[in-house]
Amino acid sequence: MAKSAVSLNPTREDFEALLAESYVDNPATEGSVVKGRVVSIENDFAIIDVGLKTEGKIAVKEFAQPGKASELKPGDTVEVYLERIENALGEAVLSRDKARREEAWTRLEVSSTKNERVDGVIFGRVKGGFTVDLGGAVAFLPGSQVDVRPIRDVGPLMNVTQPFQILKMDRRRGNIVVSRRAIMEETRAEQRSELVQNLAEGQVVDGVVKNITDYGAFVDLGGIDGLLHVTDIAWKRVNHPSDVLHVGQTVKVQIIRINPETQRISLGMKQLDKDPWEVVAERYPIGSKVKGRVTNITDYGAFVELEDGIEGLVHVSEMSWTKKNVHPGKILSTTEEIDVQVLEIDPAKRRISLGLKQTQRNPWETFHSKYPNGATVEGEIKNITEFGLFVGLDGDVDGMVHLSDIDWKRPGEEAIKDFKKGDRVKAKVLDVDQEKERISLGIKQLGSDPISTVAGIKKGDTVTCEVIKVEENGLEVRVANSDMTAYVKRADLARDRSEQRTERFAVGEKFDAKVTLIDTKARKMNVSIKALEIADEREAVAQYGSTDSGASLGDILGAALKRKDAEVKSE
């Protein structure tokens, strides 16, 4: 633009015209982006003319891309941000970074609105993530948004131009949040969809173990991952995938399932081998004894491997004949080789029931062969319960003495009080039930049954008794020539009511009485003096006649008694 002519004696109007002209030639205003020309480069600073009275300078590094050297040279036209037209040194204050930032924000807002990808460079680390240069604007990349999986080394991703997705931006606060993971997931989804279309269930492919977890391994099939579950690694039990696989290992797998909706792929290795369960019934017939190795111990039993892929369970109840309610870990240990017997096979459920105790002789069978019924044994009282005594016997088995088999004469509840835990006792073997694993013993059977000593005595017989105890309601007596005791009730002490007094008798006194009750099951006998007196009276009446002869009943009884006395004396 041509300069205006000014007179030698300028007026006020002339000065106003000159000022207006200067603004037309230099439209730059503070706080705006203007174009400038690189005049020179001195001491790592670029001297830039933006059409003002003075030039400004900017550090050359502001013109460099992250990770690259600056290619700026004199004569280049650049856009800069004018912060101040003139500072204290008379220089224009310029900034390339702010110019790029303003330009970038405008461009990024458009991209964010259109949900477009933007290019950026990761150039620094901050708490919780990284900083990204988006062509002048600095954005925050959270650590969780770097990749679809955690990355240990981010070095290869630094200072490399790559696409990002804007998640959030606030120009007023100067905040931008971006994601690299979103781009990767989108790309992977496209690749995954294409790869899945080329795969089919039942197909056998090669893959590389990418990651191992507690429940399986992820296998890379060439851009798409499949899950190899721990139960599909081998027919045998695999406690942890790392016991069989390692990261980076190349494996041959079969595609078991493909979910078209989620595009998840399930893989298997054991499916490539023959299922050993197809012939398990032939290899291990029921009742056969085989060797195995303990692989796992639980509260309810132990798993025993018979061969690769074939395991059976020894339930805790099948471990020992005698050790009951004991944890399997106290009987067996892992890796131990043992002999077991096949008890049951269920190929459909892939289960084999095994027995450990069946490989050893039944201790109840051994005991019975050594101690048949009627044999006398000795052992220590292991436990006392409300229904009897438990006695430890040879072969680590227990026998029980029931309350009713402790004493012939006393109730079991009373007799059991004579014993305590730890006492050694003798008993007779009454019965051995091998199937129910029970041994019945008896202590009272060591002596004779008192009722057996009164064999031949029946109800109505007359017996001689000896008083052993006098009670208010009767007498306890011992029957002569036996170990049997009997009881005489108070009402049976005499025919005459006035004579039914227990104080008439003393311990050791003997008398005759008639047997009124014999209960062999209850082991009980009752005798009666009264019954004997009545029987004697009837006998006398029958022998000497009735009162119709003219004699009184007293005369008949008197004669009978005299005759009986005479018979006793003659004897």
Protein backbone atom coordinates (compact mmCIF):
# COMPACT_ATOMS: atom_id res chain seq x y z
CA MET A 1 0.00 0.00 0.00
CA ALA A 2 1.44 3.40 -1.01
CA LYS A 3 2.38 5.80 1.70
CA SER A 4 0.30 9.04 1.92
CA ALA A 5 2.02 12.37 1.21
CA VAL A 6 2.54 14.50 4.27
CA SER A 7 3.28 18.25 4.27
CA LEU A 8 6.39 19.72 5.79
CA ASN A 9 4.28 21.22 8.51
CA PRO A 10 1.95 18.35 9.53
CA THR A 11 -1.27 19.13 11.22
CA ARG A 12 -3.24 17.06 13.74
CA GLU A 13 -5.22 15.53 10.92
CA ASP A 14 -2.00 14.43 9.22
CA PHE A 15 -0.87 12.51 12.38
CA GLU A 16 -4.26 10.77 12.62
CA ALA A 17 -4.00 9.73 8.96
CA LEU A 18 -0.50 8.29 9.54
CA LEU A 19 -1.70 6.30 12.62
CA ALA A 20 -4.66 4.86 10.76
CA GLU A 21 -2.38 3.88 7.91
CA SER A 22 -0.08 1.98 10.28
CA TYR A 23 -3.00 -0.13 11.56
CA VAL A 24 -4.00 -0.99 8.01
CA ASP A 25 -0.50 -2.21 7.19
CA ASN A 26 -0.19 -4.19 10.49
CA PRO A 27 -3.60 -5.77 11.33
CA ALA A 28 -2.01 -8.00 14.09
CA THR A 29 -3.57 -7.67 17.52
CA GLU A 30 -2.54 -9.14 20.83
CA GLY A 31 -4.05 -12.59 21.64
CA SER A 32 -4.37 -13.67 18.02
CA VAL A 33 -2.58 -16.03 15.63
CA VAL A 34 -0.64 -14.17 12.90
CA LYS A 35 1.65 -15.13 10.06
CA GLY A 36 5.34 -14.25 10.18
CA ARG A 37 8.57 -14.76 8.27
CA VAL A 38 11.74 -16.30 9.68
CA VAL A 39 14.39 -13.61 9.30
CA SER A 40 17.26 -15.57 10.84
CA ILE A 41 18.18 -18.25 13.39
CA GLU A 42 20.51 -17.14 16.17
CA ASN A 43 21.57 -19.16 19.25
CA ASP A 44 18.68 -21.69 18.94
CA PHE A 45 16.18 -18.85 18.54
CA ALA A 46 14.26 -17.93 15.41
CA ILE A 47 13.95 -14.21 14.70
CA ILE A 48 10.51 -13.66 13.19
CA ASP A 49 9.01 -10.62 11.47
CA VAL A 50 5.27 -10.35 11.90
CA GLY A 51 4.95 -6.86 10.30
CA LEU A 52 5.36 -4.86 13.47
CA LYS A 53 7.85 -2.14 14.20
CA THR A 54 9.98 -4.72 16.02
CA GLU A 55 10.63 -8.40 15.50
CA GLY A 56 10.11 -11.22 17.96
CA LYS A 57 11.98 -14.42 18.74
CA ILE A 58 10.88 -17.97 19.51
CA ALA A 59 12.96 -21.00 20.61
CA VAL A 60 13.61 -23.24 17.63
CA LYS A 61 12.51 -26.32 19.62
CA GLU A 62 8.92 -25.02 19.59
CA PHE A 63 8.86 -25.74 15.86
CA ALA A 64 9.96 -29.37 16.29
CA GLN A 65 7.60 -32.35 16.31
CA PRO A 66 7.84 -34.65 19.37
CA GLY A 67 10.82 -36.93 18.99
CA LYS A 68 12.11 -35.11 15.90
CA ALA A 69 14.59 -32.27 15.23
CA SER A 70 13.35 -28.96 13.91
CA GLU A 71 13.68 -28.34 10.14
CA LEU A 72 13.05 -24.59 10.40
CA LYS A 73 15.18 -22.29 8.15
CA PRO A 74 15.34 -18.56 7.29
CA GLY A 75 12.68 -17.44 4.83
CA ASP A 76 10.04 -19.92 6.08
CA THR A 77 6.55 -18.54 6.73
CA VAL A 78 5.09 -19.66 10.02
CA GLU A 79 2.04 -19.02 12.14
CA VAL A 80 2.68 -17.71 15.65
CA TYR A 81 0.68 -16.47 18.56
CA LEU A 82 1.06 -12.73 19.38
CA GLU A 83 1.00 -12.36 23.12
CA ARG A 84 2.22 -8.74 23.29
CA ILE A 85 3.08 -6.25 20.57
CA GLU A 86 6.05 -4.91 22.53
CA ASN A 87 7.71 -5.83 25.80
CA ALA A 88 10.12 -3.89 27.99
CA LEU A 89 12.96 -4.68 25.56
CA GLY A 90 10.95 -3.37 22.63
CA GLU A 91 10.45 -6.86 21.19
CA ALA A 92 7.26 -8.56 20.10
CA VAL A 93 6.34 -11.47 22.41
CA LEU A 94 5.56 -14.48 20.24
CA SER A 95 4.76 -18.19 20.84
CA ARG A 96 4.67 -21.06 18.39
CA ASP A 97 3.26 -23.49 21.01
CA LYS A 98 0.24 -21.30 21.71
CA ALA A 99 -0.37 -20.85 17.99
CA ARG A 100 -0.31 -24.57 17.47
CA ARG A 101 -2.54 -25.05 20.53
CA GLU A 102 -5.17 -22.63 19.26
CA GLU A 103 -5.10 -24.20 15.85
CA ALA A 104 -5.20 -27.70 17.31
CA TRP A 105 -8.15 -27.00 19.63
CA THR A 106 -10.20 -25.70 16.72
CA ARG A 107 -9.35 -28.74 14.65
CA LEU A 108 -9.91 -31.19 17.53
CA GLU A 109 -13.33 -29.78 18.39
CA VAL A 110 -14.43 -30.51 14.84
CA SER A 111 -13.01 -34.07 15.02
CA SER A 112 -14.66 -34.68 18.40
CA THR A 113 -18.02 -33.55 17.08
CA LYS A 114 -17.70 -35.92 14.11
CA ASN A 115 -16.32 -38.71 16.36
CA GLU A 116 -13.27 -38.95 14.15
CA ARG A 117 -9.87 -40.37 15.05
CA VAL A 118 -7.02 -37.93 15.64
CA ASP A 119 -3.28 -38.46 15.32
CA GLY A 120 -1.01 -37.86 18.27
CA VAL A 121 2.31 -38.73 19.86
CA ILE A 122 2.87 -40.08 23.41
CA PHE A 123 5.74 -38.00 24.77
CA GLY A 124 5.65 -38.13 28.56
CA ARG A 125 4.54 -39.92 31.72
CA VAL A 126 2.31 -38.45 34.43
CA LYS A 127 0.54 -39.88 37.44
CA GLY A 128 -2.07 -42.38 36.27
CA GLY A 129 -1.13 -42.28 32.60
CA PHE A 130 0.69 -40.43 29.82
CA THR A 131 0.72 -37.11 27.95
CA VAL A 132 -0.08 -37.00 24.25
CA ASP A 133 0.69 -34.23 21.75
CA LEU A 134 -2.27 -33.85 19.37
CA GLY A 135 -0.54 -31.43 16.98
CA GLY A 136 -0.22 -28.63 19.50
CA ALA A 137 -2.78 -29.52 22.17
CA VAL A 138 -1.68 -31.73 25.05
CA ALA A 139 -4.09 -34.53 26.05
CA PHE A 140 -4.16 -37.05 28.91
CA LEU A 141 -4.03 -40.77 28.12
CA PRO A 142 -5.12 -42.87 31.18
CA GLY A 143 -3.07 -46.01 31.80
CA SER A 144 -6.19 -48.16 31.36
CA GLN A 145 -6.72 -46.72 27.88
CA VAL A 146 -3.29 -47.56 26.46
CA ASP A 147 -4.10 -51.10 25.27
CA VAL A 148 -6.75 -53.78 25.52
CA ARG A 149 -4.50 -55.58 28.01
CA PRO A 150 -2.02 -54.19 30.54
CA ILE A 151 1.37 -53.36 28.95
CA ARG A 152 4.53 -53.64 31.03
CA ASP A 153 6.80 -51.69 28.64
CA VAL A 154 5.33 -48.61 26.95
CA GLY A 155 8.70 -47.58 25.51
CA PRO A 156 7.99 -48.77 21.95
CA LEU A 157 4.83 -46.63 21.89
CA MET A 158 6.59 -43.39 22.86
CA ASN A 159 7.32 -40.66 20.26
CA VAL A 160 5.44 -42.55 17.55
CA THR A 161 2.56 -40.96 15.63
CA GLN A 162 -0.55 -43.09 16.06
CA PRO A 163 -4.33 -42.67 16.10
CA PHE A 164 -6.38 -41.85 19.22
CA GLN A 165 -10.05 -41.44 20.06
CA ILE A 166 -11.17 -38.31 21.95
CA LEU A 167 -13.18 -39.36 25.01
CA LYS A 168 -13.66 -35.93 26.58
CA MET A 169 -12.54 -32.32 26.00
CA ASP A 170 -13.14 -29.03 27.83
CA ARG A 171 -11.60 -26.00 26.11
CA ARG A 172 -12.36 -23.64 28.97
CA ARG A 173 -10.39 -25.80 31.39
CA GLY A 174 -7.92 -26.96 28.76
CA ASN A 175 -8.62 -30.66 29.40
CA ILE A 176 -8.57 -33.39 26.76
CA VAL A 177 -8.81 -37.15 27.50
CA VAL A 178 -8.00 -39.64 24.73
CA SER A 179 -7.93 -43.42 24.28
CA ARG A 180 -5.68 -45.65 22.25
CA ARG A 181 -7.53 -48.74 23.50
CA ALA A 182 -10.78 -47.69 21.77
CA ILE A 183 -8.98 -47.57 18.43
CA MET A 184 -7.41 -50.99 19.03
CA GLU A 185 -10.71 -52.56 20.09
CA GLU A 186 -12.39 -51.25 17.01
CA THR A 187 -9.57 -52.51 14.82
CA ARG A 188 -9.48 -55.85 16.60
CA ALA A 189 -13.24 -56.20 16.30
CA GLU A 190 -12.96 -55.73 12.54
CA GLN A 191 -10.08 -58.18 12.32
CA ARG A 192 -11.79 -60.62 14.70
CA SER A 193 -14.98 -60.62 12.66
CA GLU A 194 -13.00 -61.36 9.52
CA LEU A 195 -10.95 -64.11 11.20
CA VAL A 196 -13.98 -65.74 12.84
CA GLN A 197 -15.60 -66.09 9.44
CA ASN A 198 -12.63 -68.23 8.37
CA LEU A 199 -12.91 -70.57 11.38
CA ALA A 200 -15.29 -73.47 11.97
CA GLU A 201 -16.16 -75.69 14.93
CA GLY A 202 -14.15 -78.91 14.86
CA GLN A 203 -11.30 -77.30 12.95
CA VAL A 204 -7.76 -78.08 14.16
CA VAL A 205 -5.41 -75.06 14.15
CA ASP A 206 -2.04 -74.02 15.56
CA GLY A 207 -1.83 -71.26 18.14
CA VAL A 208 0.55 -69.59 20.56
CA VAL A 209 -0.11 -69.44 24.31
CA LYS A 210 -0.51 -65.74 25.04
CA ASN A 211 -1.61 -65.66 28.66
CA ILE A 212 -2.19 -68.16 31.49
CA THR A 213 -4.81 -67.82 34.24
CA ASP A 214 -6.07 -70.06 37.03
CA TYR A 215 -8.97 -71.26 34.88
CA GLY A 216 -7.17 -71.77 31.56
CA ALA A 217 -4.98 -70.25 28.86
CA PHE A 218 -5.59 -67.71 26.10
CA VAL A 219 -4.24 -68.88 22.76
CA ASP A 220 -3.51 -66.50 19.87
CA LEU A 221 -4.86 -67.98 16.65
CA GLY A 222 -3.26 -65.34 14.45
CA GLY A 223 -4.91 -62.11 15.49
CA ILE A 224 -7.78 -63.56 17.48
CA ASP A 225 -7.68 -65.20 20.91
CA GLY A 226 -9.45 -68.36 22.04
CA LEU A 227 -9.86 -69.74 25.55
CA LEU A 228 -8.42 -73.14 26.34
CA HIS A 229 -10.17 -74.06 29.59
CA VAL A 230 -8.21 -76.03 32.17
CA THR A 231 -10.66 -78.96 31.87
CA ASP A 232 -10.00 -79.17 28.11
CA ILE A 233 -6.20 -79.26 28.31
CA ALA A 234 -5.88 -83.00 28.98
CA TRP A 235 -8.04 -85.99 29.88
CA LYS A 236 -6.15 -86.28 33.16
CA ARG A 237 -6.61 -83.85 36.04
CA VAL A 238 -4.67 -80.59 35.59
CA ASN A 239 -4.39 -78.65 38.84
CA HIS A 240 -3.14 -75.49 37.14
CA PRO A 241 -2.61 -74.68 33.43
CA SER A 242 0.98 -73.60 34.15
CA ASP A 243 1.76 -77.23 35.07
CA VAL A 244 1.32 -78.15 31.39
CA LEU A 245 1.67 -74.90 29.36
CA HIS A 246 3.91 -71.85 29.25
CA VAL A 247 3.59 -68.45 27.58
CA GLY A 248 4.97 -68.46 24.04
CA GLN A 249 4.43 -72.19 23.59
CA THR A 250 3.02 -73.29 20.20
CA VAL A 251 0.13 -75.71 20.62
CA LYS A 252 -2.26 -77.59 18.35
CA VAL A 253 -5.87 -77.08 19.40
CA GLN A 254 -9.34 -77.92 18.17
CA ILE A 255 -12.11 -75.31 17.94
CA ILE A 256 -14.89 -76.60 20.19
CA ARG A 257 -17.36 -73.70 20.04
CA ILE A 258 -17.74 -70.32 18.35
CA ASN A 259 -20.27 -67.87 19.77
CA PRO A 260 -21.44 -65.79 16.79
CA GLU A 261 -22.81 -63.02 19.01
CA THR A 262 -19.84 -62.49 21.33
CA GLN A 263 -17.32 -64.00 18.87
CA ARG A 264 -15.79 -65.94 21.74
CA ILE A 265 -13.92 -69.08 20.80
CA SER A 266 -13.57 -72.15 23.04
CA LEU A 267 -10.60 -74.41 22.37
CA GLY A 268 -9.57 -77.92 23.39
CA MET A 269 -6.38 -79.96 23.37
CA LYS A 270 -7.58 -83.22 24.90
CA GLN A 271 -10.11 -83.61 22.07
CA LEU A 272 -7.19 -84.40 19.75
CA ASP A 273 -6.45 -87.58 21.74
CA LYS A 274 -8.60 -90.68 22.16
CA ASP A 275 -10.92 -90.60 25.18
CA PRO A 276 -9.53 -93.20 27.64
CA TRP A 277 -12.99 -93.55 29.23
CA GLU A 278 -14.25 -95.40 26.15
CA VAL A 279 -12.48 -98.58 27.24
CA VAL A 280 -12.29 -98.03 30.99
CA ALA A 281 -14.84 -100.77 31.80
CA GLU A 282 -12.77 -103.31 29.90
CA ARG A 283 -9.46 -102.24 31.42
CA TYR A 284 -10.74 -102.05 35.00
CA PRO A 285 -13.43 -104.68 35.69
CA ILE A 286 -15.35 -104.37 38.93
CA GLY A 287 -13.63 -106.25 41.74
CA SER A 288 -10.18 -106.06 40.17
CA LYS A 289 -7.24 -104.78 42.20
CA VAL A 290 -4.99 -102.18 40.55
CA LYS A 291 -2.20 -99.78 41.43
CA GLY A 292 -2.66 -96.00 41.38
CA ARG A 293 -1.11 -92.72 42.46
CA VAL A 294 -2.81 -90.29 44.87
CA THR A 295 -3.23 -86.96 43.06
CA ASN A 296 -5.51 -84.98 45.36
CA ILE A 297 -6.88 -85.26 48.89
CA THR A 298 -10.16 -83.68 50.01
CA ASP A 299 -12.32 -83.81 53.14
CA TYR A 300 -14.47 -86.55 51.61
CA GLY A 301 -11.77 -88.77 50.14
CA ALA A 302 -8.77 -89.07 47.83
CA PHE A 303 -8.47 -89.05 44.04
CA VAL A 304 -6.27 -91.78 42.61
CA GLU A 305 -4.89 -91.72 39.08
CA LEU A 306 -4.92 -95.16 37.48
CA GLU A 307 -3.47 -93.90 34.17
CA ASP A 308 -3.33 -90.63 32.20
CA GLY A 309 -6.87 -89.29 32.05
CA ILE A 310 -8.39 -91.92 34.36
CA GLU A 311 -8.97 -91.03 38.00
CA GLY A 312 -11.11 -92.67 40.62
CA LEU A 313 -12.28 -91.63 44.07
CA VAL A 314 -11.56 -93.51 47.27
CA HIS A 315 -14.31 -92.27 49.56
CA VAL A 316 -13.32 -91.73 53.17
CA SER A 317 -15.66 -94.57 54.18
CA GLU A 318 -13.68 -96.98 51.97
CA MET A 319 -10.23 -96.11 53.30
CA SER A 320 -9.91 -98.07 56.52
CA TRP A 321 -11.79 -100.87 58.24
CA THR A 322 -11.20 -99.42 61.68
CA LYS A 323 -10.30 -95.71 61.39
CA LYS A 324 -13.62 -93.91 61.34
CA ASN A 325 -14.19 -90.13 61.19
CA VAL A 326 -10.53 -89.53 60.31
CA HIS A 327 -9.42 -86.99 57.68
CA PRO A 328 -8.12 -88.75 54.54
CA GLY A 329 -4.89 -86.76 54.83
CA LYS A 330 -4.02 -88.74 57.96
CA ILE A 331 -4.27 -92.02 56.06
CA LEU A 332 -2.86 -91.10 52.63
CA SER A 333 -0.53 -88.48 51.14
CA THR A 334 -0.33 -87.03 47.63
CA THR A 335 1.97 -88.77 45.10
CA GLU A 336 1.76 -91.95 47.21
CA GLU A 337 1.32 -95.16 45.20
CA ILE A 338 -1.31 -97.49 46.61
CA ASP A 339 -3.27 -100.65 45.77
CA VAL A 340 -7.01 -100.17 45.35
CA GLN A 341 -9.99 -102.26 44.35
CA VAL A 342 -12.51 -101.18 41.70
CA LEU A 343 -15.93 -101.00 43.36
CA GLU A 344 -18.11 -99.28 40.76
CA ILE A 345 -17.80 -97.68 37.30
CA ASP A 346 -20.10 -95.07 35.72
CA PRO A 347 -18.72 -94.29 32.22
CA ALA A 348 -21.52 -91.80 31.50
CA LYS A 349 -20.58 -89.66 34.50
CA ARG A 350 -16.88 -90.55 34.11
CA ARG A 351 -16.65 -91.81 37.67
CA ILE A 352 -14.86 -94.75 39.26
CA SER A 353 -15.41 -95.69 42.89
CA LEU A 354 -12.37 -97.28 44.48
CA GLY A 355 -11.74 -98.98 47.79
CA LEU A 356 -8.53 -99.03 49.80
CA LYS A 357 -9.64 -101.15 52.75
CA GLN A 358 -10.82 -103.92 50.38
CA THR A 359 -7.16 -104.66 49.55
CA GLN A 360 -6.63 -105.65 53.18
CA ARG A 361 -8.24 -108.48 55.11
CA ASN A 362 -11.42 -107.63 56.99
CA PRO A 363 -10.31 -107.35 60.66
CA TRP A 364 -13.71 -108.61 61.82
CA GLU A 365 -13.23 -111.72 59.70
CA THR A 366 -9.72 -112.13 61.13
CA PHE A 367 -11.00 -111.66 64.68
CA HIS A 368 -13.84 -114.15 64.24
CA SER A 369 -11.50 -116.81 62.88
CA LYS A 370 -9.25 -116.35 65.92
CA TYR A 371 -12.01 -115.83 68.51
CA PRO A 372 -15.16 -117.80 67.62
CA ASN A 373 -18.40 -117.36 69.54
CA GLY A 374 -17.92 -118.46 73.13
CA ALA A 375 -14.21 -117.58 73.26
CA THR A 376 -12.92 -115.47 76.15
CA VAL A 377 -11.15 -112.19 75.27
CA GLU A 378 -9.54 -109.39 77.26
CA GLY A 379 -9.28 -105.70 76.44
CA GLU A 380 -9.30 -102.14 77.68
CA ILE A 381 -12.51 -100.17 78.11
CA LYS A 382 -12.32 -97.44 75.44
CA ASN A 383 -15.65 -95.78 76.10
CA ILE A 384 -18.69 -95.98 78.37
CA THR A 385 -22.11 -94.99 77.02
CA GLU A 386 -25.66 -95.11 78.25
CA PHE A 387 -26.19 -98.48 76.56
CA GLY A 388 -22.97 -100.31 77.37
CA LEU A 389 -19.17 -100.65 77.41
CA PHE A 390 -16.87 -100.48 74.35
CA VAL A 391 -13.81 -102.69 74.70
CA GLY A 392 -10.70 -102.51 72.50
CA LEU A 393 -9.72 -105.92 71.11
CA ASP A 394 -7.01 -107.55 68.97
CA GLY A 395 -6.81 -106.28 65.37
CA ASP A 396 -7.74 -102.71 66.33
CA VAL A 397 -11.43 -103.55 66.52
CA ASP A 398 -13.92 -102.78 69.29
CA GLY A 399 -16.51 -104.98 70.93
CA MET A 400 -19.53 -103.88 72.93
CA VAL A 401 -20.87 -105.23 76.21
CA HIS A 402 -24.54 -104.30 76.36
CA LEU A 403 -26.05 -103.23 79.68
CA SER A 404 -28.06 -106.46 79.79
CA ASP A 405 -24.86 -108.54 79.52
CA ILE A 406 -22.93 -107.06 82.44
CA ASP A 407 -24.47 -108.83 85.44
CA TRP A 408 -26.96 -111.66 85.96
CA LYS A 409 -28.44 -110.33 89.16
CA ARG A 410 -28.32 -106.53 88.96
CA PRO A 411 -29.82 -104.12 86.43
CA GLY A 412 -27.30 -102.95 83.84
CA GLU A 413 -27.70 -99.29 84.83
CA GLU A 414 -26.50 -100.23 88.31
CA ALA A 415 -23.81 -102.75 87.30
CA ILE A 416 -22.13 -100.38 84.77
CA LYS A 417 -21.18 -98.07 87.63
CA ASP A 418 -18.55 -100.60 88.69
CA PHE A 419 -16.46 -99.84 85.58
CA LYS A 420 -14.44 -96.86 84.36
CA LYS A 421 -12.61 -95.95 81.16
CA GLY A 422 -9.17 -97.58 80.97
CA ASP A 423 -10.09 -100.66 83.02
CA ARG A 424 -9.07 -104.00 81.56
CA VAL A 425 -11.88 -106.52 81.53
CA LYS A 426 -12.50 -110.05 80.38
CA ALA A 427 -15.57 -110.96 78.38
CA LYS A 428 -17.01 -113.76 76.30
CA VAL A 429 -17.60 -113.40 72.54
CA LEU A 430 -21.35 -113.67 71.96
CA ASP A 431 -21.58 -112.78 68.25
CA VAL A 432 -19.49 -111.31 65.37
CA ASP A 433 -21.41 -109.59 62.54
CA GLN A 434 -18.77 -109.10 59.81
CA GLU A 435 -21.13 -107.25 57.48
CA LYS A 436 -22.20 -104.69 60.08
CA GLU A 437 -18.73 -104.71 61.66
CA ARG A 438 -20.05 -105.42 65.14
CA ILE A 439 -18.78 -107.64 67.95
CA SER A 440 -21.10 -108.45 70.85
CA LEU A 441 -19.48 -109.33 74.18
CA GLY A 442 -20.77 -110.42 77.55
CA ILE A 443 -19.21 -110.16 80.98
CA LYS A 444 -21.92 -111.99 82.93
CA GLN A 445 -21.57 -114.97 80.58
CA LEU A 446 -18.15 -115.65 82.15
CA GLY A 447 -20.15 -117.05 85.11
CA SER A 448 -23.03 -119.54 85.15
CA ASP A 449 -26.59 -118.39 84.74
CA PRO A 450 -28.19 -118.58 88.23
CA ILE A 451 -31.44 -119.76 86.76
CA SER A 452 -29.66 -122.75 85.23
CA THR A 453 -28.96 -124.05 88.76
CA VAL A 454 -32.68 -124.48 89.43
CA ALA A 455 -33.18 -126.75 86.45
CA GLY A 456 -36.00 -129.22 87.12
CA ILE A 457 -37.84 -126.87 89.50
CA LYS A 458 -41.21 -125.81 88.22
CA LYS A 459 -44.14 -123.78 89.39
CA GLY A 460 -45.92 -125.50 92.31
CA ASP A 461 -42.81 -127.28 93.61
CA THR A 462 -41.86 -126.97 97.27
CA VAL A 463 -38.37 -125.62 97.92
CA THR A 464 -36.29 -124.83 100.97
CA CYS A 465 -35.28 -121.15 101.24
CA GLU A 466 -32.76 -119.23 103.31
CA VAL A 467 -33.42 -115.60 104.27
CA ILE A 468 -30.70 -113.28 102.94
CA LYS A 469 -32.51 -109.96 103.36
CA VAL A 470 -35.46 -108.73 105.41
CA GLU A 471 -37.48 -105.83 104.04
CA GLU A 472 -40.69 -104.15 105.14
CA ASN A 473 -42.68 -105.56 102.20
CA GLY A 474 -41.17 -109.01 102.07
CA LEU A 475 -38.17 -111.29 102.20
CA GLU A 476 -35.34 -111.91 99.73
CA VAL A 477 -34.27 -115.54 99.95
CA ARG A 478 -31.84 -117.94 98.29
CA VAL A 479 -33.24 -121.18 96.98
CA ALA A 480 -31.42 -124.17 98.50
CA ASN A 481 -28.79 -125.92 96.36
CA SER A 482 -28.71 -123.08 93.74
CA ASP A 483 -27.47 -119.54 93.06
CA MET A 484 -31.00 -118.34 92.39
CA THR A 485 -32.67 -115.78 94.60
CA ALA A 486 -36.40 -115.50 95.08
CA TYR A 487 -38.77 -113.12 96.73
CA VAL A 488 -41.54 -113.71 99.32
CA LYS A 489 -44.12 -110.97 99.39
CA ARG A 490 -45.47 -109.86 102.78
CA ALA A 491 -48.91 -111.26 101.94
CA ASP A 492 -47.32 -114.66 101.25
CA LEU A 493 -45.56 -115.00 104.65
CA ALA A 494 -48.53 -116.84 106.29
CA ARG A 495 -52.14 -117.83 105.76
CA ASP A 496 -53.24 -115.97 108.83
CA ARG A 497 -53.14 -112.22 108.36
CA SER A 498 -51.85 -111.72 111.89
CA GLU A 499 -48.79 -113.81 111.07
CA GLN A 500 -47.84 -111.82 107.91
CA ARG A 501 -45.09 -109.93 109.67
CA THR A 502 -41.51 -109.75 108.31
CA GLU A 503 -40.04 -109.18 111.77
CA ARG A 504 -40.87 -112.84 112.55
CA PHE A 505 -37.91 -113.81 110.33
CA ALA A 506 -34.15 -113.29 110.62
CA VAL A 507 -31.29 -113.47 108.10
CA GLY A 508 -30.03 -117.09 107.85
CA GLU A 509 -33.35 -118.60 108.89
CA LYS A 510 -34.63 -121.45 106.68
CA PHE A 511 -38.17 -122.45 105.76
CA ASP A 512 -40.10 -124.28 103.10
CA ALA A 513 -42.24 -122.46 100.52
CA LYS A 514 -44.08 -123.21 97.31
CA VAL A 515 -42.87 -121.81 93.95
CA THR A 516 -45.56 -119.46 92.58
CA LEU A 517 -43.64 -117.84 89.66
CA ILE A 518 -40.69 -118.75 87.41
CA ASP A 519 -39.92 -116.21 84.67
CA THR A 520 -36.76 -117.40 82.89
CA LYS A 521 -36.75 -114.42 80.54
CA ALA A 522 -36.96 -111.87 83.34
CA ARG A 523 -34.84 -114.18 85.52
CA LYS A 524 -37.34 -113.91 88.34
CA MET A 525 -38.75 -116.40 90.92
CA ASN A 526 -41.40 -115.89 93.59
CA VAL A 527 -42.15 -118.31 96.47
CA SER A 528 -44.97 -118.35 99.06
CA ILE A 529 -45.28 -119.80 102.57
CA LYS A 530 -49.00 -119.09 102.46
CA ALA A 531 -49.44 -121.16 99.30
CA LEU A 532 -47.61 -124.09 100.92
CA GLU A 533 -49.85 -123.92 104.03
CA ILE A 534 -52.98 -123.91 101.87
CA ALA A 535 -51.68 -126.85 99.83
CA ASP A 536 -50.87 -128.84 102.98
CA GLU A 537 -54.35 -128.17 104.32
CA ARG A 538 -56.00 -129.42 101.13
CA GLU A 539 -53.83 -132.49 101.15
CA ALA A 540 -54.81 -133.29 104.76
CA VAL A 541 -58.47 -132.88 104.03
CA ALA A 542 -58.19 -135.14 101.03
CA GLN A 543 -56.22 -137.78 102.94
CA TYR A 544 -58.09 -137.92 106.24
CA GLY A 545 -61.60 -137.19 105.15
CA SER A 546 -63.98 -134.24 105.32
CA THR A 547 -65.88 -132.63 108.16
CA ASP A 548 -68.87 -134.86 107.29
CA SER A 549 -67.26 -137.79 109.28
CA GLY A 550 -68.03 -136.01 112.50
CA ALA A 551 -64.45 -134.83 113.08
CA SER A 552 -63.66 -131.13 113.08
CA LEU A 553 -61.22 -129.53 110.61
CA GLY A 554 -58.88 -128.90 113.54
CA ASP A 555 -58.94 -132.60 114.47
CA ILE A 556 -58.11 -133.57 110.88
CA LEU A 557 -55.26 -131.09 110.62
CA GLY A 558 -53.95 -132.15 114.06
CA ALA A 559 -53.92 -135.80 113.05
CA ALA A 560 -52.25 -134.95 109.76
CA LEU A 561 -49.54 -132.94 111.47
CA LYS A 562 -48.86 -135.74 113.97
CA ARG A 563 -48.59 -138.27 111.19
CA LYS A 564 -46.24 -135.97 109.26
CA ASP A 565 -44.09 -135.50 112.39
CA ALA A 566 -43.95 -139.24 112.84
CA GLU A 567 -42.83 -139.69 109.22
CA VAL A 568 -40.11 -137.06 109.67
CA LYS A 569 -38.87 -138.79 112.90
CA SER A 570 -38.84 -142.19 111.27
CA GLU A 571 -36.69 -140.81 108.52
